[in-house]
All heavy atoms as atom14 arrays in JSON, in Angstrom:
{
  "sequence": "KERIQVYFIDNEEYFKRKATFTDENGTLFPDNDERAIFFAKGVVETV",
  "atom14_mask": [
    [1, 1, 1, 1, 1, 1, 1, 1, 1, 0, 0, 0, 0, 0],
    [1, 1, 1, 1, 1, 1, 1, 1, 1, 0, 0, 0, 0, 0],
    [1, 1, 1, 1, 1, 1, 1, 1, 1, 1, 1, 0, 0, 0],
    [1, 1, 1, 1, 1, 1, 1, 1, 0, 0, 0, 0, 0, 0],
    [1, 1, 1, 1, 1, 1, 1, 1, 1, 0, 0, 0, 0, 0],
    [1, 1, 1, 1, 1, 1, 1, 0, 0, 0, 0, 0, 0, 0],
    [1, 1, 1, 1, 1, 1, 1, 1, 1, 1, 1, 1, 0, 0],
    [1, 1, 1, 1, 1, 1, 1, 1, 1, 1, 1, 0, 0, 0],
    [1, 1, 1, 1, 1, 1, 1, 1, 0, 0, 0, 0, 0, 0],
    [1, 1, 1, 1, 1, 1, 1, 1, 0, 0, 0, 0, 0, 0],
    [1, 1, 1, 1, 1, 1, 1, 1, 0, 0, 0, 0, 0, 0],
    [1, 1, 1, 1, 1, 1, 1, 1, 1, 0, 0, 0, 0, 0],
    [1, 1, 1, 1, 1, 1, 1, 1, 1, 0, 0, 0, 0, 0],
    [1, 1, 1, 1, 1, 1, 1, 1, 1, 1, 1, 1, 0, 0],
    [1, 1, 1, 1, 1, 1, 1, 1, 1, 1, 1, 0, 0, 0],
    [1, 1, 1, 1, 1, 1, 1, 1, 1, 0, 0, 0, 0, 0],
    [1, 1, 1, 1, 1, 1, 1, 1, 1, 1, 1, 0, 0, 0],
    [1, 1, 1, 1, 1, 1, 1, 1, 1, 0, 0, 0, 0, 0],
    [1, 1, 1, 1, 1, 0, 0, 0, 0, 0, 0, 0, 0, 0],
    [1, 1, 1, 1, 1, 1, 1, 0, 0, 0, 0, 0, 0, 0],
    [1, 1, 1, 1, 1, 1, 1, 1, 1, 1, 1, 0, 0, 0],
    [1, 1, 1, 1, 1, 1, 1, 0, 0, 0, 0, 0, 0, 0],
    [1, 1, 1, 1, 1, 1, 1, 1, 0, 0, 0, 0, 0, 0],
    [1, 1, 1, 1, 1, 1, 1, 1, 1, 0, 0, 0, 0, 0],
    [1, 1, 1, 1, 1, 1, 1, 1, 0, 0, 0, 0, 0, 0],
    [1, 1, 1, 1, 0, 0, 0, 0, 0, 0, 0, 0, 0, 0],
    [1, 1, 1, 1, 1, 1, 1, 0, 0, 0, 0, 0, 0, 0],
    [1, 1, 1, 1, 1, 1, 1, 1, 0, 0, 0, 0, 0, 0],
    [1, 1, 1, 1, 1, 1, 1, 1, 1, 1, 1, 0, 0, 0],
    [1, 1, 1, 1, 1, 1, 1, 0, 0, 0, 0, 0, 0, 0],
    [1, 1, 1, 1, 1, 1, 1, 1, 0, 0, 0, 0, 0, 0],
    [1, 1, 1, 1, 1, 1, 1, 1, 0, 0, 0, 0, 0, 0],
    [1, 1, 1, 1, 1, 1, 1, 1, 0, 0, 0, 0, 0, 0],
    [1, 1, 1, 1, 1, 1, 1, 1, 1, 0, 0, 0, 0, 0],
    [1, 1, 1, 1, 1, 1, 1, 1, 1, 1, 1, 0, 0, 0],
    [1, 1, 1, 1, 1, 0, 0, 0, 0, 0, 0, 0, 0, 0],
    [1, 1, 1, 1, 1, 1, 1, 1, 0, 0, 0, 0, 0, 0],
    [1, 1, 1, 1, 1, 1, 1, 1, 1, 1, 1, 0, 0, 0],
    [1, 1, 1, 1, 1, 1, 1, 1, 1, 1, 1, 0, 0, 0],
    [1, 1, 1, 1, 1, 0, 0, 0, 0, 0, 0, 0, 0, 0],
    [1, 1, 1, 1, 1, 1, 1, 1, 1, 0, 0, 0, 0, 0],
    [1, 1, 1, 1, 0, 0, 0, 0, 0, 0, 0, 0, 0, 0],
    [1, 1, 1, 1, 1, 1, 1, 0, 0, 0, 0, 0, 0, 0],
    [1, 1, 1, 1, 1, 1, 1, 0, 0, 0, 0, 0, 0, 0],
    [1, 1, 1, 1, 1, 1, 1, 1, 1, 0, 0, 0, 0, 0],
    [1, 1, 1, 1, 1, 1, 1, 0, 0, 0, 0, 0, 0, 0],
    [1, 1, 1, 1, 1, 1, 1, 0, 0, 0, 0, 0, 0, 0]
  ],
  "atom14_positions": [
    [[-1.52, -9.22, 22.55], [-1.14, -8.94, 23.94], [-1.94, -7.58, 24.39], [-1.95, -7.39, 25.51], [0.32, -8.94, 24.19], [1.04, -7.88, 23.43], [2.5, -7.91, 23.77], [3.21, -6.81, 23.08], [4.75, -6.69, 23.37], [0.0, 0.0, 0.0], [0.0, 0.0, 0.0], [0.0, 0.0, 0.0], [0.0, 0.0, 0.0], [0.0, 0.0, 0.0]],
    [[-2.24, -6.71, 23.45], [-2.86, -5.48, 23.75], [-4.35, -5.46, 23.45], [-5.03, -4.49, 23.79], [-2.12, -4.31, 22.96], [-0.77, -4.1, 23.28], [-0.53, -3.68, 24.74], [-1.39, -3.2, 25.42], [0.64, -3.85, 25.24], [0.0, 0.0, 0.0], [0.0, 0.0, 0.0], [0.0, 0.0, 0.0], [0.0, 0.0, 0.0], [0.0, 0.0, 0.0]],
    [[-4.85, -6.49, 22.9], [-6.18, -6.48, 22.46], [-6.59, -5.17, 21.56], [-7.61, -4.69, 21.89], [-7.2, -6.62, 23.68], [-7.04, -8.08, 24.33], [-7.93, -8.01, 25.43], [-7.73, -9.35, 26.14], [-8.46, -9.72, 27.2], [-9.34, -8.88, 27.82], [-8.32, -10.88, 27.81], [0.0, 0.0, 0.0], [0.0, 0.0, 0.0], [0.0, 0.0, 0.0]],
    [[-5.72, -4.8, 20.74], [-5.91, -3.71, 19.94], [-6.33, -4.34, 18.49], [-5.47, -4.98, 17.87], [-4.63, -2.76, 19.91], [-4.56, -2.1, 21.22], [-4.69, -1.76, 18.85], [-3.21, -1.25, 21.44], [0.0, 0.0, 0.0], [0.0, 0.0, 0.0], [0.0, 0.0, 0.0], [0.0, 0.0, 0.0], [0.0, 0.0, 0.0], [0.0, 0.0, 0.0]],
    [[-7.2, -3.63, 17.83], [-7.63, -4.03, 16.36], [-7.02, -2.95, 15.49], [-6.97, -1.85, 15.7], [-9.14, -4.06, 16.34], [-9.67, -4.87, 15.21], [-11.11, -5.06, 15.27], [-11.91, -4.06, 15.44], [-11.6, -6.38, 15.11], [0.0, 0.0, 0.0], [0.0, 0.0, 0.0], [0.0, 0.0, 0.0], [0.0, 0.0, 0.0], [0.0, 0.0, 0.0]],
    [[-6.45, -3.52, 14.4], [-5.96, -2.68, 13.34], [-6.68, -2.96, 11.94], [-6.95, -4.15, 11.63], [-4.34, -3.05, 13.07], [-3.86, -2.11, 12.11], [-3.75, -2.84, 14.45], [0.0, 0.0, 0.0], [0.0, 0.0, 0.0], [0.0, 0.0, 0.0], [0.0, 0.0, 0.0], [0.0, 0.0, 0.0], [0.0, 0.0, 0.0], [0.0, 0.0, 0.0]],
    [[-7.01, -1.86, 11.4], [-7.8, -1.92, 10.08], [-6.72, -1.67, 8.96], [-5.84, -0.74, 9.16], [-8.91, -0.9, 9.94], [-10.0, -1.16, 10.81], [-10.02, -0.72, 12.08], [-11.2, -1.9, 10.29], [-11.16, -0.9, 12.96], [-12.18, -2.18, 11.15], [-12.27, -1.57, 12.39], [-13.28, -1.85, 13.23], [0.0, 0.0, 0.0], [0.0, 0.0, 0.0]],
    [[-6.77, -2.58, 7.96], [-5.76, -2.31, 6.76], [-6.53, -1.87, 5.51], [-7.53, -2.53, 5.13], [-5.01, -3.64, 6.62], [-4.14, -4.08, 7.7], [-4.79, -4.79, 8.76], [-2.83, -3.87, 7.71], [-3.89, -5.32, 9.87], [-2.03, -4.29, 8.7], [-2.54, -4.99, 9.85], [0.0, 0.0, 0.0], [0.0, 0.0, 0.0], [0.0, 0.0, 0.0]],
    [[-5.92, -0.86, 4.95], [-6.53, -0.37, 3.57], [-5.68, -1.01, 2.61], [-4.41, -1.0, 2.41], [-6.26, 1.18, 3.48], [-6.91, 1.95, 4.63], [-6.56, 1.66, 2.07], [-8.52, 1.95, 4.44], [0.0, 0.0, 0.0], [0.0, 0.0, 0.0], [0.0, 0.0, 0.0], [0.0, 0.0, 0.0], [0.0, 0.0, 0.0], [0.0, 0.0, 0.0]],
    [[-6.46, -1.75, 1.64], [-5.76, -2.65, 0.65], [-6.36, -2.36, -0.71], [-7.5, -1.99, -0.92], [-6.0, -4.08, 1.01], [-4.94, -5.09, 0.31], [-4.14, -4.52, -0.4], [-5.19, -6.24, 0.5], [0.0, 0.0, 0.0], [0.0, 0.0, 0.0], [0.0, 0.0, 0.0], [0.0, 0.0, 0.0], [0.0, 0.0, 0.0], [0.0, 0.0, 0.0]],
    [[-5.54, -2.54, -1.75], [-5.8, -2.56, -3.1], [-4.81, -3.31, -3.86], [-3.63, -3.14, -3.66], [-6.0, -1.06, -3.48], [-6.19, -0.96, -5.12], [-5.06, -0.91, -5.83], [-7.38, -0.94, -5.57], [0.0, 0.0, 0.0], [0.0, 0.0, 0.0], [0.0, 0.0, 0.0], [0.0, 0.0, 0.0], [0.0, 0.0, 0.0], [0.0, 0.0, 0.0]],
    [[-5.19, -4.22, -4.85], [-4.24, -5.01, -5.48], [-3.21, -4.13, -6.24], [-1.98, -4.57, -6.29], [-5.08, -5.8, -6.51], [-5.85, -7.01, -5.78], [-4.98, -8.21, -5.51], [-4.25, -8.78, -6.36], [-4.99, -8.69, -4.35], [0.0, 0.0, 0.0], [0.0, 0.0, 0.0], [0.0, 0.0, 0.0], [0.0, 0.0, 0.0], [0.0, 0.0, 0.0]],
    [[-3.65, -3.21, -7.03], [-2.8, -2.42, -7.82], [-1.71, -1.64, -6.96], [-0.53, -1.62, -7.28], [-3.65, -1.38, -8.53], [-2.88, -0.41, -9.5], [-2.33, -1.16, -10.83], [-2.93, -2.2, -11.21], [-1.45, -0.64, -11.37], [0.0, 0.0, 0.0], [0.0, 0.0, 0.0], [0.0, 0.0, 0.0], [0.0, 0.0, 0.0], [0.0, 0.0, 0.0]],
    [[-2.15, -1.11, -5.81], [-1.27, -0.25, -4.97], [-0.48, -0.99, -4.0], [0.63, -0.52, -3.53], [-2.12, 0.78, -4.38], [-2.67, 1.88, -5.43], [-4.0, 2.35, -5.09], [-1.88, 2.41, -6.43], [-4.59, 3.32, -6.03], [-2.38, 3.31, -7.29], [-3.66, 3.86, -7.14], [-4.17, 4.81, -7.93], [0.0, 0.0, 0.0], [0.0, 0.0, 0.0]],
    [[-1.0, -2.08, -3.31], [-0.37, -2.59, -2.25], [0.01, -3.99, -2.15], [0.53, -4.55, -1.21], [-1.24, -2.24, -0.91], [-1.36, -0.83, -0.67], [-2.55, -0.28, -0.82], [-0.29, -0.12, -0.23], [-2.78, 1.08, -0.55], [-0.39, 1.22, 0.04], [-1.67, 1.84, -0.12], [0.0, 0.0, 0.0], [0.0, 0.0, 0.0], [0.0, 0.0, 0.0]],
    [[-0.13, -4.79, -3.36], [0.26, -6.17, -3.5], [1.72, -6.37, -3.52], [2.26, -7.4, -3.0], [-0.47, -6.74, -4.77], [-0.31, -8.3, -4.71], [-1.11, -8.81, -5.88], [-1.05, -10.49, -5.9], [-1.67, -11.08, -6.93], [0.0, 0.0, 0.0], [0.0, 0.0, 0.0], [0.0, 0.0, 0.0], [0.0, 0.0, 0.0], [0.0, 0.0, 0.0]],
    [[2.57, -5.45, -4.03], [3.94, -5.58, -4.26], [4.56, -5.78, -2.86], [4.2, -5.34, -1.81], [4.59, -4.34, -4.84], [4.53, -3.01, -4.1], [4.63, -1.93, -4.91], [3.44, -1.56, -5.68], [3.23, -0.45, -6.22], [3.87, 0.6, -6.02], [1.96, -0.27, -7.05], [0.0, 0.0, 0.0], [0.0, 0.0, 0.0], [0.0, 0.0, 0.0]],
    [[5.65, -6.64, -2.8], [6.4, -7.01, -1.56], [7.16, -6.07, -0.84], [8.4, -6.4, -0.66], [7.05, -8.39, -1.7], [6.18, -9.68, -2.24], [5.2, -9.96, -1.2], [4.35, -11.28, -1.61], [3.47, -11.76, -0.57], [0.0, 0.0, 0.0], [0.0, 0.0, 0.0], [0.0, 0.0, 0.0], [0.0, 0.0, 0.0], [0.0, 0.0, 0.0]],
    [[6.8, -4.82, -0.77], [7.73, -3.77, -0.31], [6.71, -2.69, 0.25], [5.58, -2.57, -0.09], [8.61, -3.26, -1.3], [0.0, 0.0, 0.0], [0.0, 0.0, 0.0], [0.0, 0.0, 0.0], [0.0, 0.0, 0.0], [0.0, 0.0, 0.0], [0.0, 0.0, 0.0], [0.0, 0.0, 0.0], [0.0, 0.0, 0.0], [0.0, 0.0, 0.0]],
    [[7.38, -1.72, 0.93], [6.48, -0.53, 1.4], [6.67, 0.63, 0.5], [5.65, 0.91, -0.26], [7.03, -0.19, 2.83], [8.37, -0.02, 2.81], [6.57, -1.13, 3.86], [0.0, 0.0, 0.0], [0.0, 0.0, 0.0], [0.0, 0.0, 0.0], [0.0, 0.0, 0.0], [0.0, 0.0, 0.0], [0.0, 0.0, 0.0], [0.0, 0.0, 0.0]],
    [[7.68, 1.34, 0.44], [7.79, 2.5, -0.29], [8.75, 2.57, -1.54], [8.62, 3.35, -2.35], [8.25, 3.67, 0.62], [7.49, 3.8, 1.86], [8.24, 3.76, 3.09], [6.22, 3.85, 1.96], [7.59, 3.87, 4.3], [5.35, 4.0, 3.13], [6.15, 3.96, 4.37], [0.0, 0.0, 0.0], [0.0, 0.0, 0.0], [0.0, 0.0, 0.0]],
    [[9.71, 1.56, -1.51], [10.73, 1.63, -2.57], [10.89, 0.28, -3.16], [10.57, -0.81, -2.48], [12.09, 2.13, -2.08], [12.51, 1.19, -0.97], [12.02, 3.54, -1.52], [0.0, 0.0, 0.0], [0.0, 0.0, 0.0], [0.0, 0.0, 0.0], [0.0, 0.0, 0.0], [0.0, 0.0, 0.0], [0.0, 0.0, 0.0], [0.0, 0.0, 0.0]],
    [[11.54, 0.11, -4.32], [11.87, -1.21, -4.9], [13.2, -1.69, -4.31], [13.78, -0.96, -3.4], [11.9, -1.14, -6.45], [12.94, -0.14, -6.96], [13.98, 0.1, -6.13], [12.88, 0.32, -8.18], [0.0, 0.0, 0.0], [0.0, 0.0, 0.0], [0.0, 0.0, 0.0], [0.0, 0.0, 0.0], [0.0, 0.0, 0.0], [0.0, 0.0, 0.0]],
    [[13.61, -2.85, -4.82], [14.79, -3.4, -4.27], [16.12, -2.54, -4.39], [17.12, -2.77, -3.72], [15.1, -4.76, -4.92], [15.43, -4.84, -6.45], [14.07, -4.88, -7.31], [13.08, -4.74, -6.61], [14.28, -5.11, -8.43], [0.0, 0.0, 0.0], [0.0, 0.0, 0.0], [0.0, 0.0, 0.0], [0.0, 0.0, 0.0], [0.0, 0.0, 0.0]],
    [[16.06, -1.61, -5.38], [17.19, -0.69, -5.43], [17.05, 0.67, -4.73], [17.91, 1.49, -4.75], [17.25, -0.33, -6.96], [17.51, -1.43, -7.87], [18.39, -2.4, -7.46], [16.87, -1.51, -9.06], [0.0, 0.0, 0.0], [0.0, 0.0, 0.0], [0.0, 0.0, 0.0], [0.0, 0.0, 0.0], [0.0, 0.0, 0.0], [0.0, 0.0, 0.0]],
    [[16.05, 0.67, -3.79], [15.85, 1.84, -3.05], [15.05, 2.98, -3.66], [15.09, 4.15, -3.12], [0.0, 0.0, 0.0], [0.0, 0.0, 0.0], [0.0, 0.0, 0.0], [0.0, 0.0, 0.0], [0.0, 0.0, 0.0], [0.0, 0.0, 0.0], [0.0, 0.0, 0.0], [0.0, 0.0, 0.0], [0.0, 0.0, 0.0], [0.0, 0.0, 0.0]],
    [[14.64, 2.73, -4.92], [13.99, 3.83, -5.71], [12.56, 3.87, -5.34], [11.79, 2.96, -5.24], [14.0, 3.5, -7.27], [15.43, 3.32, -7.69], [13.36, 4.61, -8.07], [0.0, 0.0, 0.0], [0.0, 0.0, 0.0], [0.0, 0.0, 0.0], [0.0, 0.0, 0.0], [0.0, 0.0, 0.0], [0.0, 0.0, 0.0], [0.0, 0.0, 0.0]],
    [[11.95, 5.08, -5.14], [10.54, 5.31, -4.7], [9.59, 4.76, -5.82], [9.91, 4.83, -7.0], [10.26, 6.79, -4.51], [10.87, 7.51, -3.25], [10.68, 9.02, -3.42], [10.09, 6.96, -2.05], [0.0, 0.0, 0.0], [0.0, 0.0, 0.0], [0.0, 0.0, 0.0], [0.0, 0.0, 0.0], [0.0, 0.0, 0.0], [0.0, 0.0, 0.0]],
    [[8.65, 4.01, -5.4], [7.62, 3.59, -6.35], [6.98, 4.8, -7.17], [6.67, 5.86, -6.36], [6.47, 2.77, -5.63], [6.99, 1.42, -5.25], [6.83, 1.01, -3.87], [7.59, 0.55, -6.13], [7.21, -0.26, -3.43], [8.07, -0.69, -5.65], [7.86, -1.0, -4.19], [0.0, 0.0, 0.0], [0.0, 0.0, 0.0], [0.0, 0.0, 0.0]],
    [[6.84, 4.78, -8.4], [6.39, 5.98, -9.1], [4.9, 6.37, -8.8], [4.47, 7.4, -8.98], [6.36, 5.59, -10.58], [6.59, 3.98, -10.54], [7.36, 3.74, -9.33], [0.0, 0.0, 0.0], [0.0, 0.0, 0.0], [0.0, 0.0, 0.0], [0.0, 0.0, 0.0], [0.0, 0.0, 0.0], [0.0, 0.0, 0.0], [0.0, 0.0, 0.0]],
    [[4.14, 5.37, -8.2], [2.79, 5.61, -7.83], [2.55, 5.91, -6.38], [1.48, 5.87, -5.89], [1.87, 4.5, -8.31], [2.12, 3.15, -7.61], [3.11, 3.11, -6.93], [1.37, 2.29, -7.73], [0.0, 0.0, 0.0], [0.0, 0.0, 0.0], [0.0, 0.0, 0.0], [0.0, 0.0, 0.0], [0.0, 0.0, 0.0], [0.0, 0.0, 0.0]],
    [[3.65, 6.28, -5.59], [3.45, 6.61, -4.14], [2.43, 7.71, -4.01], [1.82, 7.61, -2.84], [4.85, 6.88, -3.46], [5.53, 5.5, -3.05], [5.05, 4.55, -2.94], [6.87, 5.75, -2.85], [0.0, 0.0, 0.0], [0.0, 0.0, 0.0], [0.0, 0.0, 0.0], [0.0, 0.0, 0.0], [0.0, 0.0, 0.0], [0.0, 0.0, 0.0]],
    [[2.37, 8.61, -4.86], [1.37, 9.58, -4.68], [0.05, 9.13, -4.65], [-0.78, 9.61, -3.88], [1.67, 10.82, -5.69], [1.52, 10.27, -7.06], [1.83, 9.03, -7.36], [1.12, 11.13, -8.01], [0.0, 0.0, 0.0], [0.0, 0.0, 0.0], [0.0, 0.0, 0.0], [0.0, 0.0, 0.0], [0.0, 0.0, 0.0], [0.0, 0.0, 0.0]],
    [[-0.28, 8.4, -5.66], [-1.58, 7.76, -5.7], [-1.98, 6.99, -4.59], [-3.09, 6.83, -4.08], [-1.79, 7.1, -7.13], [-1.67, 8.03, -8.31], [-1.94, 7.27, -9.61], [-2.39, 6.05, -9.65], [-1.74, 7.89, -10.66], [0.0, 0.0, 0.0], [0.0, 0.0, 0.0], [0.0, 0.0, 0.0], [0.0, 0.0, 0.0], [0.0, 0.0, 0.0]],
    [[-0.85, 6.17, -4.1], [-1.1, 5.27, -2.89], [-1.46, 6.13, -1.73], [-2.34, 5.74, -0.94], [0.24, 4.57, -2.69], [0.58, 3.47, -3.82], [2.01, 2.96, -3.53], [1.97, 1.75, -2.79], [3.0, 1.34, -2.12], [4.04, 2.16, -1.93], [2.87, 0.21, -1.42], [0.0, 0.0, 0.0], [0.0, 0.0, 0.0], [0.0, 0.0, 0.0]],
    [[-0.81, 7.16, -1.62], [-1.11, 8.15, -0.5], [-2.5, 8.74, -0.53], [-3.28, 8.82, 0.35], [-0.11, 9.23, -0.3], [0.0, 0.0, 0.0], [0.0, 0.0, 0.0], [0.0, 0.0, 0.0], [0.0, 0.0, 0.0], [0.0, 0.0, 0.0], [0.0, 0.0, 0.0], [0.0, 0.0, 0.0], [0.0, 0.0, 0.0], [0.0, 0.0, 0.0]],
    [[-2.97, 9.18, -1.83], [-4.34, 9.6, -2.01], [-5.35, 8.52, -1.75], [-6.25, 8.78, -1.02], [-4.4, 10.06, -3.39], [-3.55, 11.39, -3.7], [-6.03, 10.56, -3.72], [-3.47, 11.67, -5.21], [0.0, 0.0, 0.0], [0.0, 0.0, 0.0], [0.0, 0.0, 0.0], [0.0, 0.0, 0.0], [0.0, 0.0, 0.0], [0.0, 0.0, 0.0]],
    [[-5.04, 7.34, -2.22], [-6.05, 6.12, -2.01], [-6.06, 5.89, -0.52], [-7.18, 5.63, 0.0], [-5.37, 5.01, -2.74], [-6.44, 3.74, -2.69], [-7.42, 3.66, -3.53], [-6.19, 2.79, -1.72], [-8.28, 2.52, -3.47], [-7.02, 1.64, -1.69], [-8.01, 1.62, -2.49], [0.0, 0.0, 0.0], [0.0, 0.0, 0.0], [0.0, 0.0, 0.0]],
    [[-4.93, 5.84, 0.22], [-4.95, 5.68, 1.75], [-5.83, 6.64, 2.37], [-6.63, 6.22, 3.18], [-3.45, 5.53, 2.08], [-3.47, 5.24, 3.61], [-4.05, 4.16, 4.12], [-2.72, 5.99, 4.54], [-3.94, 3.82, 5.52], [-2.47, 5.76, 5.84], [-3.1, 4.56, 6.37], [0.0, 0.0, 0.0], [0.0, 0.0, 0.0], [0.0, 0.0, 0.0]],
    [[-5.56, 7.92, 2.18], [-6.37, 8.93, 2.83], [-7.82, 8.84, 2.51], [-8.63, 8.97, 3.56], [-5.85, 10.38, 2.35], [0.0, 0.0, 0.0], [0.0, 0.0, 0.0], [0.0, 0.0, 0.0], [0.0, 0.0, 0.0], [0.0, 0.0, 0.0], [0.0, 0.0, 0.0], [0.0, 0.0, 0.0], [0.0, 0.0, 0.0], [0.0, 0.0, 0.0]],
    [[-8.18, 8.64, 1.27], [-9.68, 8.46, 1.04], [-10.3, 7.3, 1.6], [-11.39, 7.18, 2.0], [-9.87, 8.62, -0.46], [-9.62, 10.03, -0.99], [-9.61, 10.07, -2.46], [-10.93, 10.32, -3.16], [-10.95, 10.54, -4.53], [0.0, 0.0, 0.0], [0.0, 0.0, 0.0], [0.0, 0.0, 0.0], [0.0, 0.0, 0.0], [0.0, 0.0, 0.0]],
    [[-9.41, 6.18, 1.55], [-10.01, 4.86, 1.97], [-10.06, 4.94, 3.62], [-11.1, 4.29, 4.04], [0.0, 0.0, 0.0], [0.0, 0.0, 0.0], [0.0, 0.0, 0.0], [0.0, 0.0, 0.0], [0.0, 0.0, 0.0], [0.0, 0.0, 0.0], [0.0, 0.0, 0.0], [0.0, 0.0, 0.0], [0.0, 0.0, 0.0], [0.0, 0.0, 0.0]],
    [[-9.35, 5.58, 4.3], [-9.58, 5.74, 5.72], [-10.83, 6.46, 5.92], [-11.8, 6.0, 6.68], [-8.34, 6.41, 6.44], [-8.7, 6.83, 7.71], [-7.13, 5.58, 6.38], [0.0, 0.0, 0.0], [0.0, 0.0, 0.0], [0.0, 0.0, 0.0], [0.0, 0.0, 0.0], [0.0, 0.0, 0.0], [0.0, 0.0, 0.0], [0.0, 0.0, 0.0]],
    [[-11.15, 7.57, 5.35], [-12.18, 8.37, 5.58], [-13.45, 7.69, 5.26], [-14.54, 7.58, 6.07], [-12.23, 9.73, 4.75], [-13.53, 10.51, 5.07], [-11.04, 10.63, 5.34], [0.0, 0.0, 0.0], [0.0, 0.0, 0.0], [0.0, 0.0, 0.0], [0.0, 0.0, 0.0], [0.0, 0.0, 0.0], [0.0, 0.0, 0.0], [0.0, 0.0, 0.0]],
    [[-13.5, 7.02, 4.08], [-14.65, 6.28, 3.6], [-15.03, 5.07, 4.67], [-16.14, 4.77, 4.91], [-14.62, 5.76, 2.26], [-14.46, 6.89, 1.19], [-15.79, 7.75, 1.2], [-16.95, 7.41, 1.65], [-15.7, 8.98, 0.63], [0.0, 0.0, 0.0], [0.0, 0.0, 0.0], [0.0, 0.0, 0.0], [0.0, 0.0, 0.0], [0.0, 0.0, 0.0]],
    [[-13.9, 4.46, 5.01], [-14.25, 3.37, 5.97], [-14.69, 3.81, 7.37], [-15.49, 3.17, 7.96], [-12.86, 2.5, 6.16], [-12.37, 2.11, 4.96], [-13.16, 1.21, 7.05], [0.0, 0.0, 0.0], [0.0, 0.0, 0.0], [0.0, 0.0, 0.0], [0.0, 0.0, 0.0], [0.0, 0.0, 0.0], [0.0, 0.0, 0.0], [0.0, 0.0, 0.0]],
    [[-14.17, 4.87, 7.85], [-14.66, 5.35, 9.14], [-16.03, 5.71, 9.04], [-16.9, 5.65, 9.98], [-13.76, 6.56, 9.71], [-14.36, 7.17, 10.91], [-12.28, 6.07, 9.91], [0.0, 0.0, 0.0], [0.0, 0.0, 0.0], [0.0, 0.0, 0.0], [0.0, 0.0, 0.0], [0.0, 0.0, 0.0], [0.0, 0.0, 0.0], [0.0, 0.0, 0.0]]
  ]
}
């Protein structure tokens, strides 16, 4: 409805799991730090 395009940064190891930041018990994923590093670098390299 907005004609807005969204780019998604993906990687099987970091983003395949069916959740955002925590597991089903609400515990932070242990690799959230690496996911944040990968996301930052992925955005820059894609731009």
